[in-house]
Amino acid sequence: MKSNSYARVACKILKYLNDCYENGLEASIDSLNANMLGISDRQFYQTMKMLSDDGYVKGVEFMDVVPPENSVLNHPRNWHITSQGIQYLEENSLMQKAYKVAKEARDWLPLI
């Protein structure tokens, strides 16, 4: 899976927001931005839009402009993960663990 795929970027964002939730912290622009995730501003904007549309995050305000690459988001201190976002993280984590176990089992079993 590519390091800038939606699934990986979305998980990183949700994990960060979940850590903020669990530790009673506000999200920081220094920790949650396109550069820190290794993606373009446009991909960051679109990913946040999808996460918001899917109900995984709340508090994100979108300021769409033309050209689209100049669109901006409000400050992350207002962003928070929802219960749906937490559930997505848990399910994704369980799928990753199952995949690793299956891959390890395949490596250990002799090919017949």
PDB file of N, CA and C in Angstrom:
ATOM      1  N   MET A   1       0.843  -1.179   0.000  1.00  0.00           N
ATOM      2  CA  MET A   1       0.000   0.000   0.000  1.00  0.00           C
ATOM      3  C   MET A   1       0.886   1.240   0.000  1.00  0.00           C
ATOM      4  N   LYS A   2       0.552   2.198  -0.839  1.00  0.00           N
ATOM      5  CA  LYS A   2       1.353   3.406  -0.938  1.00  0.00           C
ATOM      6  C   LYS A   2       1.272   4.202   0.365  1.00  0.00           C
ATOM      7  N   SER A   3       2.380   4.893   0.691  1.00  0.00           N
ATOM      8  CA  SER A   3       2.431   5.639   1.947  1.00  0.00           C
ATOM      9  C   SER A   3       1.512   6.852   1.942  1.00  0.00           C
ATOM     10  N   ASN A   4       1.074   7.298   0.752  1.00  0.00           N
ATOM     11  CA  ASN A   4       0.171   8.434   0.722  1.00  0.00           C
ATOM     12  C   ASN A   4      -1.239   8.033   0.298  1.00  0.00           C
ATOM     13  N   SER A   5      -1.574   6.747   0.448  1.00  0.00           N
ATOM     14  CA  SER A   5      -2.912   6.278   0.108  1.00  0.00           C
ATOM     15  C   SER A   5      -3.924   6.864   1.100  1.00  0.00           C
ATOM     16  N   TYR A   6      -5.162   6.929   0.671  1.00  0.00           N
ATOM     17  CA  TYR A   6      -6.208   7.469   1.551  1.00  0.00           C
ATOM     18  C   TYR A   6      -6.240   6.731   2.880  1.00  0.00           C
ATOM     19  N   ALA A   7      -6.207   5.403   2.837  1.00  0.00           N
ATOM     20  CA  ALA A   7      -6.318   4.612   4.066  1.00  0.00           C
ATOM     21  C   ALA A   7      -5.210   4.955   5.058  1.00  0.00           C
ATOM     22  N   ARG A   8      -3.985   5.053   4.582  1.00  0.00           N
ATOM     23  CA  ARG A   8      -2.867   5.365   5.487  1.00  0.00           C
ATOM     24  C   ARG A   8      -2.944   6.787   6.025  1.00  0.00           C
ATOM     25  N   VAL A   9      -3.227   7.734   5.151  1.00  0.00           N
ATOM     26  CA  VAL A   9      -3.314   9.134   5.581  1.00  0.00           C
ATOM     27  C   VAL A   9      -4.478   9.306   6.560  1.00  0.00           C
ATOM     28  N   ALA A  10      -5.622   8.725   6.228  1.00  0.00           N
ATOM     29  CA  ALA A  10      -6.794   8.828   7.097  1.00  0.00           C
ATOM     30  C   ALA A  10      -6.501   8.226   8.472  1.00  0.00           C
ATOM     31  N   CYS A  11      -5.842   7.071   8.501  1.00  0.00           N
ATOM     32  CA  CYS A  11      -5.511   6.437   9.784  1.00  0.00           C
ATOM     33  C   CYS A  11      -4.570   7.307  10.608  1.00  0.00           C
ATOM     34  N   LYS A  12      -3.591   7.919   9.967  1.00  0.00           N
ATOM     35  CA  LYS A  12      -2.661   8.787  10.699  1.00  0.00           C
ATOM     36  C   LYS A  12      -3.397   9.973  11.311  1.00  0.00           C
ATOM     37  N   ILE A  13      -4.282  10.578  10.533  1.00  0.00           N
ATOM     38  CA  ILE A  13      -5.048  11.718  11.036  1.00  0.00           C
ATOM     39  C   ILE A  13      -5.948  11.289  12.189  1.00  0.00           C
ATOM     40  N   LEU A  14      -6.663  10.193  11.999  1.00  0.00           N
ATOM     41  CA  LEU A  14      -7.575   9.723  13.047  1.00  0.00           C
ATOM     42  C   LEU A  14      -6.820   9.285  14.298  1.00  0.00           C
ATOM     43  N   LYS A  15      -5.671   8.638  14.127  1.00  0.00           N
ATOM     44  CA  LYS A  15      -4.872   8.244  15.292  1.00  0.00           C
ATOM     45  C   LYS A  15      -4.427   9.469  16.080  1.00  0.00           C
ATOM     46  N   TYR A  16      -3.996  10.503  15.372  1.00  0.00           N
ATOM     47  CA  TYR A  16      -3.568  11.730  16.051  1.00  0.00           C
ATOM     48  C   TYR A  16      -4.740  12.356  16.808  1.00  0.00           C
ATOM     49  N   LEU A  17      -5.888  12.479  16.151  1.00  0.00           N
ATOM     50  CA  LEU A  17      -7.046  13.075  16.812  1.00  0.00           C
ATOM     51  C   LEU A  17      -7.532  12.213  17.976  1.00  0.00           C
ATOM     52  N   ASN A  18      -7.400  10.901  17.848  1.00  0.00           N
ATOM     53  CA  ASN A  18      -7.772  10.014  18.950  1.00  0.00           C
ATOM     54  C   ASN A  18      -6.817  10.186  20.131  1.00  0.00           C
ATOM     55  N   ASP A  19      -5.523  10.322  19.845  1.00  0.00           N
ATOM     56  CA  ASP A  19      -4.547  10.576  20.913  1.00  0.00           C
ATOM     57  C   ASP A  19      -4.861  11.890  21.626  1.00  0.00           C
ATOM     58  N   CYS A  20      -5.238  12.908  20.863  1.00  0.00           N
ATOM     59  CA  CYS A  20      -5.626  14.186  21.476  1.00  0.00           C
ATOM     60  C   CYS A  20      -6.837  13.985  22.382  1.00  0.00           C
ATOM     61  N   TYR A  21      -7.813  13.238  21.906  1.00  0.00           N
ATOM     62  CA  TYR A  21      -9.023  12.960  22.689  1.00  0.00           C
ATOM     63  C   TYR A  21      -8.679  12.222  23.984  1.00  0.00           C
ATOM     64  N   GLU A  22      -7.874  11.165  23.862  1.00  0.00           N
ATOM     65  CA  GLU A  22      -7.546  10.341  25.025  1.00  0.00           C
ATOM     66  C   GLU A  22      -6.698  11.074  26.057  1.00  0.00           C
ATOM     67  N   ASN A  23      -5.945  12.076  25.602  1.00  0.00           N
ATOM     68  CA  ASN A  23      -5.064  12.803  26.516  1.00  0.00           C
ATOM     69  C   ASN A  23      -5.556  14.204  26.848  1.00  0.00           C
ATOM     70  N   GLY A  24      -6.775  14.547  26.424  1.00  0.00           N
ATOM     71  CA  GLY A  24      -7.350  15.839  26.733  1.00  0.00           C
ATOM     72  C   GLY A  24      -6.607  17.012  26.111  1.00  0.00           C
ATOM     73  N   LEU A  25      -6.065  16.818  24.914  1.00  0.00           N
ATOM     74  CA  LEU A  25      -5.283  17.860  24.239  1.00  0.00           C
ATOM     75  C   LEU A  25      -6.046  18.430  23.054  1.00  0.00           C
ATOM     76  N   GLU A  26      -5.668  19.648  22.663  1.00  0.00           N
ATOM     77  CA  GLU A  26      -6.182  20.228  21.428  1.00  0.00           C
ATOM     78  C   GLU A  26      -5.251  19.830  20.291  1.00  0.00           C
ATOM     79  N   ALA A  27      -5.824  19.603  19.119  1.00  0.00           N
ATOM     80  CA  ALA A  27      -4.995  19.309  17.949  1.00  0.00           C
ATOM     81  C   ALA A  27      -4.165  20.544  17.607  1.00  0.00           C
ATOM     82  N   SER A  28      -2.960  20.316  17.138  1.00  0.00           N
ATOM     83  CA  SER A  28      -2.032  21.405  16.839  1.00  0.00           C
ATOM     84  C   SER A  28      -1.708  21.450  15.352  1.00  0.00           C
ATOM     85  N   ILE A  29      -1.664  22.640  14.805  1.00  0.00           N
ATOM     86  CA  ILE A  29      -1.290  22.815  13.398  1.00  0.00           C
ATOM     87  C   ILE A  29       0.144  22.357  13.153  1.00  0.00           C
ATOM     88  N   ASP A  30       0.974  22.380  14.192  1.00  0.00           N
ATOM     89  CA  ASP A  30       2.358  21.934  14.063  1.00  0.00           C
ATOM     90  C   ASP A  30       2.464  20.421  13.925  1.00  0.00           C
ATOM     91  N   SER A  31       1.471  19.694  14.439  1.00  0.00           N
ATOM     92  CA  SER A  31       1.499  18.234  14.402  1.00  0.00           C
ATOM     93  C   SER A  31       0.592  17.639  13.340  1.00  0.00           C
ATOM     94  N   LEU A  32      -0.388  18.400  12.906  1.00  0.00           N
ATOM     95  CA  LEU A  32      -1.355  17.886  11.937  1.00  0.00           C
ATOM     96  C   LEU A  32      -1.434  18.830  10.742  1.00  0.00           C
ATOM     97  N   ASN A  33      -0.618  18.525   9.738  1.00  0.00           N
ATOM     98  CA  ASN A  33      -0.619  19.315   8.512  1.00  0.00           C
ATOM     99  C   ASN A  33      -0.095  18.454   7.370  1.00  0.00           C
ATOM    100  N   ALA A  34      -0.248  18.946   6.158  1.00  0.00           N
ATOM    101  CA  ALA A  34       0.156  18.181   4.973  1.00  0.00           C
ATOM    102  C   ALA A  34       1.634  17.830   4.998  1.00  0.00           C
ATOM    103  N   ASN A  35       2.458  18.773   5.380  1.00  0.00           N
ATOM    104  CA  ASN A  35       3.903  18.549   5.404  1.00  0.00           C
ATOM    105  C   ASN A  35       4.279  17.419   6.371  1.00  0.00           C
ATOM    106  N   MET A  36       3.693  17.409   7.557  1.00  0.00           N
ATOM    107  CA  MET A  36       3.996  16.365   8.554  1.00  0.00           C
ATOM    108  C   MET A  36       3.557  14.978   8.063  1.00  0.00           C
ATOM    109  N   LEU A  37       2.514  14.959   7.219  1.00  0.00           N
ATOM    110  CA  LEU A  37       2.014  13.688   6.693  1.00  0.00           C
ATOM    111  C   LEU A  37       2.705  13.286   5.389  1.00  0.00           C
ATOM    112  N   GLY A  38       3.514  14.182   4.846  1.00  0.00           N
ATOM    113  CA  GLY A  38       4.219  13.889   3.607  1.00  0.00           C
ATOM    114  C   GLY A  38       3.322  13.871   2.381  1.00  0.00           C
ATOM    115  N   ILE A  39       2.285  14.712   2.395  1.00  0.00           N
ATOM    116  CA  ILE A  39       1.346  14.778   1.274  1.00  0.00           C
ATOM    117  C   ILE A  39       1.167  16.233   0.847  1.00  0.00           C
ATOM    118  N   SER A  40       0.480  16.432  -0.258  1.00  0.00           N
ATOM    119  CA  SER A  40       0.229  17.788  -0.741  1.00  0.00           C
ATOM    120  C   SER A  40      -0.887  18.438   0.074  1.00  0.00           C
ATOM    121  N   ASP A  41      -0.931  19.761   0.038  1.00  0.00           N
ATOM    122  CA  ASP A  41      -2.007  20.490   0.713  1.00  0.00           C
ATOM    123  C   ASP A  41      -3.366  20.080   0.155  1.00  0.00           C
ATOM    124  N   ARG A  42      -3.411  19.885  -1.143  1.00  0.00           N
ATOM    125  CA  ARG A  42      -4.678  19.489  -1.784  1.00  0.00           C
ATOM    126  C   ARG A  42      -5.137  18.119  -1.290  1.00  0.00           C
ATOM    127  N   GLN A  43      -4.211  17.150  -1.194  1.00  0.00           N
ATOM    128  CA  GLN A  43      -4.590  15.823  -0.704  1.00  0.00           C
ATOM    129  C   GLN A  43      -5.031  15.905   0.752  1.00  0.00           C
ATOM    130  N   PHE A  44      -4.355  16.720   1.547  1.00  0.00           N
ATOM    131  CA  PHE A  44      -4.738  16.888   2.951  1.00  0.00           C
ATOM    132  C   PHE A  44      -6.158  17.445   3.034  1.00  0.00           C
ATOM    133  N   TYR A  45      -6.438  18.476   2.250  1.00  0.00           N
ATOM    134  CA  TYR A  45      -7.759  19.103   2.235  1.00  0.00           C
ATOM    135  C   TYR A  45      -8.824  18.072   1.837  1.00  0.00           C
ATOM    136  N   GLN A  46      -8.567  17.333   0.760  1.00  0.00           N
ATOM    137  CA  GLN A  46      -9.535  16.356   0.276  1.00  0.00           C
ATOM    138  C   GLN A  46      -9.745  15.215   1.279  1.00  0.00           C
ATOM    139  N   THR A  47      -8.673  14.792   1.928  1.00  0.00           N
ATOM    140  CA  THR A  47      -8.794  13.728   2.921  1.00  0.00           C
ATOM    141  C   THR A  47      -9.627  14.203   4.105  1.00  0.00           C
ATOM    142  N   MET A  48      -9.380  15.416   4.573  1.00  0.00           N
ATOM    143  CA  MET A  48     -10.177  15.956   5.676  1.00  0.00           C
ATOM    144  C   MET A  48     -11.642  16.088   5.274  1.00  0.00           C
ATOM    145  N   LYS A  49     -11.885  16.469   4.023  1.00  0.00           N
ATOM    146  CA  LYS A  49     -13.261  16.587   3.524  1.00  0.00           C
ATOM    147  C   LYS A  49     -13.949  15.223   3.551  1.00  0.00           C
ATOM    148  N   MET A  50     -13.249  14.182   3.089  1.00  0.00           N
ATOM    149  CA  MET A  50     -13.831  12.839   3.093  1.00  0.00           C
ATOM    150  C   MET A  50     -14.077  12.347   4.520  1.00  0.00           C
ATOM    151  N   LEU A  51     -13.106  12.581   5.407  1.00  0.00           N
ATOM    152  CA  LEU A  51     -13.277  12.154   6.809  1.00  0.00           C
ATOM    153  C   LEU A  51     -14.465  12.857   7.448  1.00  0.00           C
ATOM    154  N   SER A  52     -14.637  14.130   7.129  1.00  0.00           N
ATOM    155  CA  SER A  52     -15.769  14.884   7.661  1.00  0.00           C
ATOM    156  C   SER A  52     -17.086  14.390   7.058  1.00  0.00           C
ATOM    157  N   ASP A  53     -17.115  14.227   5.738  1.00  0.00           N
ATOM    158  CA  ASP A  53     -18.327  13.752   5.062  1.00  0.00           C
ATOM    159  C   ASP A  53     -18.747  12.371   5.560  1.00  0.00           C
ATOM    160  N   ASP A  54     -17.773  11.526   5.877  1.00  0.00           N
ATOM    161  CA  ASP A  54     -18.061  10.173   6.360  1.00  0.00           C
ATOM    162  C   ASP A  54     -18.408  10.139   7.847  1.00  0.00           C
ATOM    163  N   GLY A  55     -18.297  11.279   8.518  1.00  0.00           N
ATOM    164  CA  GLY A  55     -18.665  11.353   9.933  1.00  0.00           C
ATOM    165  C   GLY A  55     -17.579  10.916  10.892  1.00  0.00           C
ATOM    166  N   TYR A  56     -16.325  10.819  10.423  1.00  0.00           N
ATOM    167  CA  TYR A  56     -15.231  10.377  11.286  1.00  0.00           C
ATOM    168  C   TYR A  56     -14.610  11.519  12.087  1.00  0.00           C
ATOM    169  N   VAL A  57     -14.764  12.753  11.610  1.00  0.00           N
ATOM    170  CA  VAL A  57     -14.271  13.929  12.330  1.00  0.00           C
ATOM    171  C   VAL A  57     -15.336  15.014  12.321  1.00  0.00           C
ATOM    172  N   LYS A  58     -15.282  15.867  13.333  1.00  0.00           N
ATOM    173  CA  LYS A  58     -16.197  17.017  13.437  1.00  0.00           C
ATOM    174  C   LYS A  58     -15.365  18.260  13.700  1.00  0.00           C
ATOM    175  N   GLY A  59     -15.991  19.408  13.461  1.00  0.00           N
ATOM    176  CA  GLY A  59     -15.349  20.682  13.759  1.00  0.00           C
ATOM    177  C   GLY A  59     -14.496  21.240  12.648  1.00  0.00           C
ATOM    178  N   VAL A  60     -14.430  20.547  11.519  1.00  0.00           N
ATOM    179  CA  VAL A  60     -13.621  21.011  10.401  1.00  0.00           C
ATOM    180  C   VAL A  60     -14.484  21.930   9.535  1.00  0.00           C
ATOM    181  N   GLU A  61     -13.968  23.115   9.256  1.00  0.00           N
ATOM    182  CA  GLU A  61     -14.656  24.050   8.373  1.00  0.00           C
ATOM    183  C   GLU A  61     -13.845  24.186   7.092  1.00  0.00           C
ATOM    184  N   PHE A  62     -14.527  24.109   5.965  1.00  0.00           N
ATOM    185  CA  PHE A  62     -13.883  24.125   4.654  1.00  0.00           C
ATOM    186  C   PHE A  62     -14.143  25.458   3.963  1.00  0.00           C
ATOM    187  N   MET A  63     -13.080  26.119   3.549  1.00  0.00           N
ATOM    188  CA  MET A  63     -13.194  27.374   2.821  1.00  0.00           C
ATOM    189  C   MET A  63     -12.751  27.127   1.380  1.00  0.00           C
ATOM    190  N   ASP A  64     -13.715  26.706   0.551  1.00  0.00           N
ATOM    191  CA  ASP A  64     -13.425  26.398  -0.849  1.00  0.00           C
ATOM    192  C   ASP A  64     -13.235  27.685  -1.643  1.00  0.00           C
ATOM    193  N   VAL A  65     -12.170  27.713  -2.425  1.00  0.00           N
ATOM    194  CA  VAL A  65     -11.900  28.855  -3.297  1.00  0.00           C
ATOM    195  C   VAL A  65     -11.427  28.349  -4.658  1.00  0.00           C
ATOM    196  N   VAL A  66     -11.320  29.260  -5.573  1.00  0.00           N
ATOM    197  CA  VAL A  66     -10.779  28.940  -6.896  1.00  0.00           C
ATOM    198  C   VAL A  66      -9.457  29.673  -7.021  1.00  0.00           C
ATOM    199  N   PRO A  67      -8.378  29.031  -7.364  1.00  0.00           N
ATOM    200  CA  PRO A  67      -8.246  27.618  -7.697  1.00  0.00           C
ATOM    201  C   PRO A  67      -8.280  26.742  -6.443  1.00  0.00           C
ATOM    202  N   PRO A  68      -8.707  25.477  -6.602  1.00  0.00           N
ATOM    203  CA  PRO A  68      -8.901  24.578  -5.454  1.00  0.00           C
ATOM    204  C   PRO A  68      -7.671  24.395  -4.571  1.00  0.00           C
ATOM    205  N   GLU A  69      -6.482  24.479  -5.155  1.00  0.00           N
ATOM    206  CA  GLU A  69      -5.273  24.270  -4.341  1.00  0.00           C
ATOM    207  C   GLU A  69      -5.078  25.374  -3.307  1.00  0.00           C
ATOM    208  N   ASN A  70      -5.832  26.456  -3.406  1.00  0.00           N
ATOM    209  CA  ASN A  70      -5.754  27.535  -2.420  1.00  0.00           C
ATOM    210  C   ASN A  70      -6.838  27.433  -1.349  1.00  0.00           C
ATOM    211  N   SER A  71      -7.657  26.379  -1.398  1.00  0.00           N
ATOM    212  CA  SER A  71      -8.685  26.176  -0.384  1.00  0.00           C
ATOM    213  C   SER A  71      -8.016  25.919   0.965  1.00  0.00           C
ATOM    214  N   VAL A  72      -8.655  26.346   2.036  1.00  0.00           N
ATOM    215  CA  VAL A  72      -8.059  26.212   3.365  1.00  0.00           C
ATOM    216  C   VAL A  72      -9.061  25.623   4.356  1.00  0.00           C
ATOM    217  N   LEU A  73      -8.519  25.191   5.484  1.00  0.00           N
ATOM    218  CA  LEU A  73      -9.303  24.638   6.583  1.00  0.00           C
ATOM    219  C   LEU A  73      -9.155  25.542   7.798  1.00  0.00           C
ATOM    220  N   ASN A  74     -10.121  25.470   8.701  1.00  0.00           N
ATOM    221  CA  ASN A  74      -9.976  26.204   9.953  1.00  0.00           C
ATOM    222  C   ASN A  74      -8.889  25.562  10.813  1.00  0.00           C
ATOM    223  N   HIS A  75      -8.555  26.193  11.921  1.00  0.00           N
ATOM    224  CA  HIS A  75      -7.484  25.701  12.799  1.00  0.00           C
ATOM    225  C   HIS A  75      -7.863  24.347  13.410  1.00  0.00           C
ATOM    226  N   PRO A  76      -6.926  23.403  13.456  1.00  0.00           N
ATOM    227  CA  PRO A  76      -7.216  22.061  13.973  1.00  0.00           C
ATOM    228  C   PRO A  76      -7.658  22.015  15.439  1.00  0.00           C
ATOM    229  N   ARG A  77      -7.435  23.066  16.216  1.00  0.00           N
ATOM    230  CA  ARG A  77      -7.841  23.008  17.628  1.00  0.00           C
ATOM    231  C   ARG A  77      -9.337  22.743  17.769  1.00  0.00           C
ATOM    232  N   ASN A  78     -10.092  23.025  16.697  1.00  0.00           N
ATOM    233  CA  ASN A  78     -11.544  22.799  16.709  1.00  0.00           C
ATOM    234  C   ASN A  78     -11.931  21.402  16.232  1.00  0.00           C
ATOM    235  N   TRP A  79     -10.966  20.655  15.718  1.00  0.00           N
ATOM    236  CA  TRP A  79     -11.259  19.343  15.159  1.00  0.00           C
ATOM    237  C   TRP A  79     -11.263  18.285  16.251  1.00  0.00           C
ATOM    238  N   HIS A  80     -12.142  17.312  16.102  1.00  0.00           N
ATOM    239  CA  HIS A  80     -12.124  16.176  17.025  1.00  0.00           C
ATOM    240  C   HIS A  80     -12.655  14.921  16.330  1.00  0.00           C
ATOM    241  N   ILE A  81     -12.199  13.801  16.832  1.00  0.00           N
ATOM    242  CA  ILE A  81     -12.622  12.509  16.298  1.00  0.00           C
ATOM    243  C   ILE A  81     -14.006  12.187  16.853  1.00  0.00           C
ATOM    244  N   THR A  82     -14.803  11.488  16.068  1.00  0.00           N
ATOM    245  CA  THR A  82     -16.133  11.074  16.512  1.00  0.00           C
ATOM    246  C   THR A  82     -16.085   9.608  16.934  1.00  0.00           C
ATOM    247  N   SER A  83     -17.179   9.128  17.491  1.00  0.00           N
ATOM    248  CA  SER A  83     -17.234   7.710  17.861  1.00  0.00           C
ATOM    249  C   SER A  83     -17.119   6.832  16.618  1.00  0.00           C
ATOM    250  N   GLN A  84     -17.634   7.304  15.482  1.00  0.00           N
ATOM    251  CA  GLN A  84     -17.470   6.559  14.225  1.00  0.00           C
ATOM    252  C   GLN A  84     -16.000   6.500  13.829  1.00  0.00           C
ATOM    253  N   GLY A  85     -15.265   7.579  14.040  1.00  0.00           N
ATOM    254  CA  GLY A  85     -13.842   7.602  13.733  1.00  0.00           C
ATOM    255  C   GLY A  85     -13.066   6.629  14.601  1.00  0.00           C
ATOM    256  N   ILE A  86     -13.425   6.569  15.876  1.00  0.00           N
ATOM    257  CA  ILE A  86     -12.767   5.632  16.790  1.00  0.00           C
ATOM    258  C   ILE A  86     -13.069   4.200  16.364  1.00  0.00           C
ATOM    259  N   GLN A  87     -14.310   3.943  15.982  1.00  0.00           N
ATOM    260  CA  GLN A  87     -14.686   2.603  15.522  1.00  0.00           C
ATOM    261  C   GLN A  87     -13.921   2.234  14.253  1.00  0.00           C
ATOM    262  N   TYR A  88     -13.755   3.179  13.331  1.00  0.00           N
ATOM    263  CA  TYR A  88     -12.986   2.942  12.108  1.00  0.00           C
ATOM    264  C   TYR A  88     -11.556   2.543  12.462  1.00  0.00           C
ATOM    265  N   LEU A  89     -10.946   3.259  13.400  1.00  0.00           N
ATOM    266  CA  LEU A  89      -9.583   2.929  13.818  1.00  0.00           C
ATOM    267  C   LEU A  89      -9.503   1.523  14.400  1.00  0.00           C
ATOM    268  N   GLU A  90     -10.450   1.186  15.254  1.00  0.00           N
ATOM    269  CA  GLU A  90     -10.440  -0.137  15.879  1.00  0.00           C
ATOM    270  C   GLU A  90     -10.607  -1.239  14.847  1.00  0.00           C
ATOM    271  N   GLU A  91     -11.540  -1.063  13.919  1.00  0.00           N
ATOM    272  CA  GLU A  91     -11.760  -2.072  12.887  1.00  0.00           C
ATOM    273  C   GLU A  91     -10.548  -2.194  11.979  1.00  0.00           C
ATOM    274  N   ASN A  92      -9.950  -1.063  11.620  1.00  0.00           N
ATOM    275  CA  ASN A  92      -8.775  -1.073  10.769  1.00  0.00           C
ATOM    276  C   ASN A  92      -7.621  -1.766  11.467  1.00  0.00           C
ATOM    277  N   SER A  93      -7.458  -1.517  12.750  1.00  0.00           N
ATOM    278  CA  SER A  93      -6.394  -2.144  13.527  1.00  0.00           C
ATOM    279  C   SER A  93      -6.596  -3.660  13.582  1.00  0.00           C
ATOM    280  N   LEU A  94      -7.823  -4.094  13.781  1.00  0.00           N
ATOM    281  CA  LEU A  94      -8.110  -5.531  13.825  1.00  0.00           C
ATOM    282  C   LEU A  94      -7.830  -6.187  12.476  1.00  0.00           C
ATOM    283  N   MET A  95      -8.176  -5.504  11.372  1.00  0.00           N
ATOM    284  CA  MET A  95      -7.913  -6.059  10.037  1.00  0.00           C
ATOM    285  C   MET A  95      -6.413  -6.154   9.784  1.00  0.00           C
ATOM    286  N   GLN A  96      -5.648  -5.150  10.219  1.00  0.00           N
ATOM    287  CA  GLN A  96      -4.205  -5.189  10.030  1.00  0.00           C
ATOM    288  C   GLN A  96      -3.593  -6.333  10.828  1.00  0.00           C
ATOM    289  N   LYS A  97      -4.059  -6.544  12.051  1.00  0.00           N
ATOM    290  CA  LYS A  97      -3.542  -7.641  12.869  1.00  0.00           C
ATOM    291  C   LYS A  97      -3.870  -8.992  12.233  1.00  0.00           C
ATOM    292  N   ALA A  98      -5.100  -9.148  11.729  1.00  0.00           N
ATOM    293  CA  ALA A  98      -5.499 -10.403  11.092  1.00  0.00           C
ATOM    294  C   ALA A  98      -4.660 -10.661   9.845  1.00  0.00           C
ATOM    295  N   TYR A  99      -4.390  -9.619   9.073  1.00  0.00           N
ATOM    296  CA  TYR A  99      -3.568  -9.751   7.876  1.00  0.00           C
ATOM    297  C   TYR A  99      -2.156 -10.202   8.247  1.00  0.00           C
ATOM    298  N   LYS A 100      -1.567  -9.594   9.285  1.00  0.00           N
ATOM    299  CA  LYS A 100      -0.217  -9.962   9.702  1.00  0.00           C
ATOM    300  C   LYS A 100      -0.159 -11.409  10.167  1.00  0.00           C
ATOM    301  N   VAL A 101      -1.162 -11.845  10.928  1.00  0.00           N
ATOM    302  CA  VAL A 101      -1.206 -13.224  11.411  1.00  0.00           C
ATOM    303  C   VAL A 101      -1.327 -14.180  10.226  1.00  0.00           C
ATOM    304  N   ALA A 102      -2.214 -13.868   9.279  1.00  0.00           N
ATOM    305  CA  ALA A 102      -2.394 -14.726   8.113  1.00  0.00           C
ATOM    306  C   ALA A 102      -1.112 -14.795   7.284  1.00  0.00           C
ATOM    307  N   LYS A 103      -0.439 -13.662   7.136  1.00  0.00           N
ATOM    308  CA  LYS A 103       0.802 -13.629   6.366  1.00  0.00           C
ATOM    309  C   LYS A 103       1.883 -14.449   7.061  1.00  0.00           C
ATOM    310  N   GLU A 104       1.991 -14.322   8.383  1.00  0.00           N
ATOM    311  CA  GLU A 104       2.978 -15.100   9.133  1.00  0.00           C
ATOM    312  C   GLU A 104       2.676 -16.589   9.043  1.00  0.00           C
ATOM    313  N   ALA A 105       1.402 -16.953   9.150  1.00  0.00           N
ATOM    314  CA  ALA A 105       1.010 -18.362   9.062  1.00  0.00           C
ATOM    315  C   ALA A 105       1.365 -18.920   7.693  1.00  0.00           C
ATOM    316  N   ARG A 106       1.125 -18.135   6.651  1.00  0.00           N
ATOM    317  CA  ARG A 106       1.444 -18.588   5.290  1.00  0.00           C
ATOM    318  C   ARG A 106       2.949 -18.805   5.151  1.00  0.00           C
ATOM    319  N   ASP A 107       3.745 -17.947   5.762  1.00  0.00           N
ATOM    320  CA  ASP A 107       5.195 -18.078   5.685  1.00  0.00           C
ATOM    321  C   ASP A 107       5.707 -19.317   6.428  1.00  0.00           C
ATOM    322  N   TRP A 108       4.992 -19.704   7.473  1.00  0.00           N
ATOM    323  CA  TRP A 108       5.425 -20.849   8.274  1.00  0.00           C
ATOM    324  C   TRP A 108       4.955 -22.172   7.694  1.00  0.00           C
ATOM    325  N   LEU A 109       3.819 -22.164   6.988  1.00  0.00           N
ATOM    326  CA  LEU A 109       3.279 -23.414   6.457  1.00  0.00           C
ATOM    327  C   LEU A 109       4.021 -23.804   5.189  1.00  0.00           C
ATOM    328  N   PRO A 110       4.375 -25.096   5.090  1.00  0.00           N
ATOM    329  CA  PRO A 110       5.057 -25.543   3.860  1.00  0.00           C
ATOM    330  C   PRO A 110       4.064 -25.545   2.701  1.00  0.00           C
ATOM    331  N   LEU A 111       4.565 -25.192   1.539  1.00  0.00           N
ATOM    332  CA  LEU A 111       3.718 -25.231   0.352  1.00  0.00           C
ATOM    333  C   LEU A 111       3.496 -26.665  -0.070  1.00  0.00           C
ATOM    334  N   ILE A 112       2.274 -27.019  -0.222  1.00  0.00           N
ATOM    335  CA  ILE A 112       1.945 -28.407  -0.621  1.00  0.00           C
ATOM    336  C   ILE A 112       1.468 -28.435  -2.047  1.00  0.00           C
TER     337      ILE A 112
END
